[in-house]
Amino acid sequence: MADPPHLTVRFLIVVLIRSTLNRETAALHIKLDELIQGVQGAHRALLDLEERSEDDLAGIRANNEKLAQIARE
């Protein structure tokens, strides 16, 4: 069993890693939003996908799959 100081250090490391990942994810979302806004004909509805429900995402995914299938034909 680890003693309390080691547990504290492990906890702080996990918090630091999560904070870094959250910041990097937020930055990535901003960059992707900027790209979507800059592409003519891009659907502006894609800008807030991370806020959508699972059902909404499944519907958008199904629609994109249909479009991809049409493009392959």
N, C-alpha and C. Protein backbone atom coordinates (compact mmCIF):
# COMPACT_ATOMS: atom_id res chain seq x y z
N MET A 1 0.83 -1.18 0.00
CA MET A 1 0.00 0.00 0.00
C MET A 1 0.88 1.25 0.00
N ALA A 2 0.51 2.22 -0.83
CA ALA A 2 1.29 3.45 -0.91
C ALA A 2 0.98 4.34 0.28
N ASP A 3 2.02 5.02 0.75
CA ASP A 3 1.78 5.91 1.88
C ASP A 3 1.18 7.23 1.39
N PRO A 4 0.56 7.99 2.28
CA PRO A 4 -0.17 9.21 1.90
C PRO A 4 0.60 10.22 1.05
N PRO A 5 1.90 10.50 1.32
CA PRO A 5 2.58 11.46 0.45
C PRO A 5 2.63 11.01 -1.02
N HIS A 6 2.80 9.71 -1.24
CA HIS A 6 2.83 9.20 -2.61
C HIS A 6 1.46 9.34 -3.26
N LEU A 7 0.40 9.10 -2.48
CA LEU A 7 -0.95 9.25 -3.02
C LEU A 7 -1.23 10.71 -3.39
N THR A 8 -0.75 11.63 -2.58
CA THR A 8 -0.94 13.05 -2.87
C THR A 8 -0.22 13.43 -4.16
N VAL A 9 0.99 12.96 -4.31
CA VAL A 9 1.76 13.26 -5.53
C VAL A 9 1.07 12.66 -6.75
N ARG A 10 0.62 11.43 -6.63
CA ARG A 10 -0.10 10.80 -7.76
C ARG A 10 -1.35 11.59 -8.12
N PHE A 11 -2.10 12.01 -7.10
CA PHE A 11 -3.31 12.78 -7.34
C PHE A 11 -2.99 14.09 -8.06
N LEU A 12 -1.97 14.79 -7.62
CA LEU A 12 -1.59 16.05 -8.25
C LEU A 12 -1.14 15.85 -9.69
N ILE A 13 -0.44 14.78 -9.95
CA ILE A 13 0.00 14.48 -11.32
C ILE A 13 -1.21 14.22 -12.21
N VAL A 14 -2.18 13.46 -11.72
CA VAL A 14 -3.39 13.18 -12.49
C VAL A 14 -4.15 14.48 -12.77
N VAL A 15 -4.26 15.35 -11.77
CA VAL A 15 -4.95 16.63 -11.97
C VAL A 15 -4.22 17.46 -13.01
N LEU A 16 -2.92 17.50 -12.96
CA LEU A 16 -2.12 18.26 -13.92
C LEU A 16 -2.30 17.72 -15.34
N ILE A 17 -2.27 16.40 -15.48
CA ILE A 17 -2.44 15.79 -16.79
C ILE A 17 -3.83 16.08 -17.35
N ARG A 18 -4.85 15.95 -16.52
CA ARG A 18 -6.23 16.24 -16.97
C ARG A 18 -6.38 17.69 -17.37
N SER A 19 -5.81 18.58 -16.62
CA SER A 19 -5.88 20.00 -16.93
C SER A 19 -5.22 20.29 -18.28
N THR A 20 -4.08 19.69 -18.50
CA THR A 20 -3.37 19.86 -19.78
C THR A 20 -4.19 19.30 -20.93
N LEU A 21 -4.76 18.12 -20.75
CA LEU A 21 -5.57 17.52 -21.80
C LEU A 21 -6.82 18.35 -22.09
N ASN A 22 -7.47 18.86 -21.05
CA ASN A 22 -8.65 19.70 -21.25
C ASN A 22 -8.30 20.97 -22.02
N ARG A 23 -7.18 21.59 -21.69
CA ARG A 23 -6.75 22.80 -22.37
C ARG A 23 -6.43 22.50 -23.84
N GLU A 24 -5.73 21.39 -24.09
CA GLU A 24 -5.39 21.01 -25.46
C GLU A 24 -6.64 20.68 -26.27
N THR A 25 -7.60 20.02 -25.65
CA THR A 25 -8.86 19.69 -26.33
C THR A 25 -9.62 20.96 -26.67
N ALA A 26 -9.68 21.91 -25.75
CA ALA A 26 -10.36 23.17 -26.01
C ALA A 26 -9.69 23.92 -27.16
N ALA A 27 -8.37 23.94 -27.17
CA ALA A 27 -7.64 24.61 -28.25
C ALA A 27 -7.91 23.93 -29.59
N LEU A 28 -7.97 22.61 -29.60
CA LEU A 28 -8.26 21.88 -30.82
C LEU A 28 -9.65 22.20 -31.34
N HIS A 29 -10.62 22.28 -30.44
CA HIS A 29 -11.99 22.64 -30.85
C HIS A 29 -12.03 24.03 -31.48
N ILE A 30 -11.31 24.97 -30.89
CA ILE A 30 -11.27 26.33 -31.44
C ILE A 30 -10.66 26.32 -32.83
N LYS A 31 -9.58 25.59 -33.00
CA LYS A 31 -8.92 25.51 -34.31
C LYS A 31 -9.84 24.87 -35.35
N LEU A 32 -10.52 23.80 -34.98
CA LEU A 32 -11.44 23.15 -35.90
C LEU A 32 -12.61 24.06 -36.25
N ASP A 33 -13.14 24.79 -35.26
CA ASP A 33 -14.22 25.74 -35.51
C ASP A 33 -13.77 26.80 -36.52
N GLU A 34 -12.55 27.26 -36.37
CA GLU A 34 -12.02 28.27 -37.29
C GLU A 34 -11.93 27.70 -38.71
N LEU A 35 -11.49 26.48 -38.83
CA LEU A 35 -11.41 25.84 -40.15
C LEU A 35 -12.80 25.66 -40.76
N ILE A 36 -13.75 25.23 -39.96
CA ILE A 36 -15.12 25.04 -40.46
C ILE A 36 -15.68 26.37 -40.95
N GLN A 37 -15.44 27.44 -40.19
CA GLN A 37 -15.94 28.75 -40.58
C GLN A 37 -15.30 29.23 -41.88
N GLY A 38 -14.06 28.84 -42.11
CA GLY A 38 -13.33 29.30 -43.28
C GLY A 38 -13.61 28.52 -44.55
N VAL A 39 -14.24 27.37 -44.45
CA VAL A 39 -14.50 26.54 -45.63
C VAL A 39 -15.86 26.92 -46.21
N GLN A 40 -15.82 27.39 -47.45
CA GLN A 40 -17.08 27.77 -48.09
C GLN A 40 -17.95 26.53 -48.28
N GLY A 41 -19.20 26.65 -47.92
CA GLY A 41 -20.14 25.55 -48.05
C GLY A 41 -20.17 24.62 -46.84
N ALA A 42 -19.31 24.89 -45.86
CA ALA A 42 -19.31 24.05 -44.65
C ALA A 42 -20.57 24.35 -43.84
N HIS A 43 -21.07 23.35 -43.18
CA HIS A 43 -22.26 23.50 -42.35
C HIS A 43 -21.90 24.16 -41.02
N ARG A 44 -22.45 25.31 -40.77
CA ARG A 44 -22.17 26.03 -39.53
C ARG A 44 -22.69 25.27 -38.30
N ALA A 45 -23.63 24.37 -38.52
CA ALA A 45 -24.16 23.58 -37.41
C ALA A 45 -23.09 22.68 -36.80
N LEU A 46 -22.00 22.46 -37.52
CA LEU A 46 -20.93 21.61 -37.00
C LEU A 46 -20.09 22.30 -35.94
N LEU A 47 -20.27 23.60 -35.78
CA LEU A 47 -19.41 24.36 -34.87
C LEU A 47 -19.60 23.98 -33.40
N ASP A 48 -20.75 23.45 -33.03
CA ASP A 48 -20.96 23.12 -31.61
C ASP A 48 -21.31 21.66 -31.39
N LEU A 49 -20.71 20.80 -32.18
CA LEU A 49 -21.03 19.37 -32.06
C LEU A 49 -20.80 18.81 -30.67
N GLU A 50 -19.79 19.30 -29.99
CA GLU A 50 -19.49 18.76 -28.67
C GLU A 50 -20.61 19.05 -27.67
N GLU A 51 -21.49 19.98 -28.00
CA GLU A 51 -22.62 20.31 -27.12
C GLU A 51 -23.89 19.53 -27.47
N ARG A 52 -23.87 18.81 -28.56
CA ARG A 52 -25.06 18.10 -29.04
C ARG A 52 -25.27 16.79 -28.29
N SER A 53 -26.50 16.28 -28.35
CA SER A 53 -26.82 15.01 -27.70
C SER A 53 -26.29 13.85 -28.55
N GLU A 54 -26.25 12.68 -27.96
CA GLU A 54 -25.80 11.49 -28.68
C GLU A 54 -26.71 11.20 -29.88
N ASP A 55 -28.01 11.41 -29.70
CA ASP A 55 -28.95 11.19 -30.81
C ASP A 55 -28.68 12.14 -31.96
N ASP A 56 -28.43 13.42 -31.64
CA ASP A 56 -28.10 14.38 -32.69
C ASP A 56 -26.84 13.96 -33.44
N LEU A 57 -25.83 13.54 -32.68
CA LEU A 57 -24.57 13.12 -33.31
C LEU A 57 -24.77 11.90 -34.20
N ALA A 58 -25.59 10.96 -33.74
CA ALA A 58 -25.86 9.77 -34.55
C ALA A 58 -26.56 10.15 -35.85
N GLY A 59 -27.50 11.10 -35.79
CA GLY A 59 -28.19 11.55 -36.99
C GLY A 59 -27.25 12.24 -37.97
N ILE A 60 -26.38 13.10 -37.45
CA ILE A 60 -25.40 13.79 -38.30
C ILE A 60 -24.44 12.78 -38.92
N ARG A 61 -24.00 11.82 -38.11
CA ARG A 61 -23.08 10.79 -38.60
C ARG A 61 -23.74 9.97 -39.71
N ALA A 62 -25.00 9.60 -39.52
CA ALA A 62 -25.72 8.81 -40.54
C ALA A 62 -25.86 9.62 -41.82
N ASN A 63 -26.17 10.91 -41.70
CA ASN A 63 -26.28 11.76 -42.88
C ASN A 63 -24.95 11.86 -43.62
N ASN A 64 -23.85 12.02 -42.88
CA ASN A 64 -22.53 12.10 -43.50
C ASN A 64 -22.15 10.79 -44.18
N GLU A 65 -22.55 9.68 -43.59
CA GLU A 65 -22.27 8.38 -44.21
C GLU A 65 -23.03 8.23 -45.52
N LYS A 66 -24.27 8.72 -45.55
CA LYS A 66 -25.05 8.68 -46.79
C LYS A 66 -24.39 9.53 -47.86
N LEU A 67 -23.95 10.73 -47.48
CA LEU A 67 -23.28 11.61 -48.43
C LEU A 67 -21.99 10.99 -48.96
N ALA A 68 -21.25 10.32 -48.08
CA ALA A 68 -20.02 9.66 -48.51
C ALA A 68 -20.30 8.52 -49.47
N GLN A 69 -21.37 7.78 -49.20
CA GLN A 69 -21.74 6.68 -50.08
C GLN A 69 -22.14 7.21 -51.46
N ILE A 70 -22.89 8.29 -51.49
CA ILE A 70 -23.29 8.90 -52.76
C ILE A 70 -22.06 9.37 -53.53
N ALA A 71 -21.10 9.95 -52.81
CA ALA A 71 -19.88 10.45 -53.46
C ALA A 71 -19.05 9.32 -54.05
N ARG A 72 -19.11 8.13 -53.46
CA ARG A 72 -18.34 6.99 -53.97
C ARG A 72 -18.98 6.38 -55.21
N GLU A 73 -20.27 6.62 -55.39
CA GLU A 73 -20.99 6.00 -56.52
C GLU A 73 -20.77 6.72 -57.80
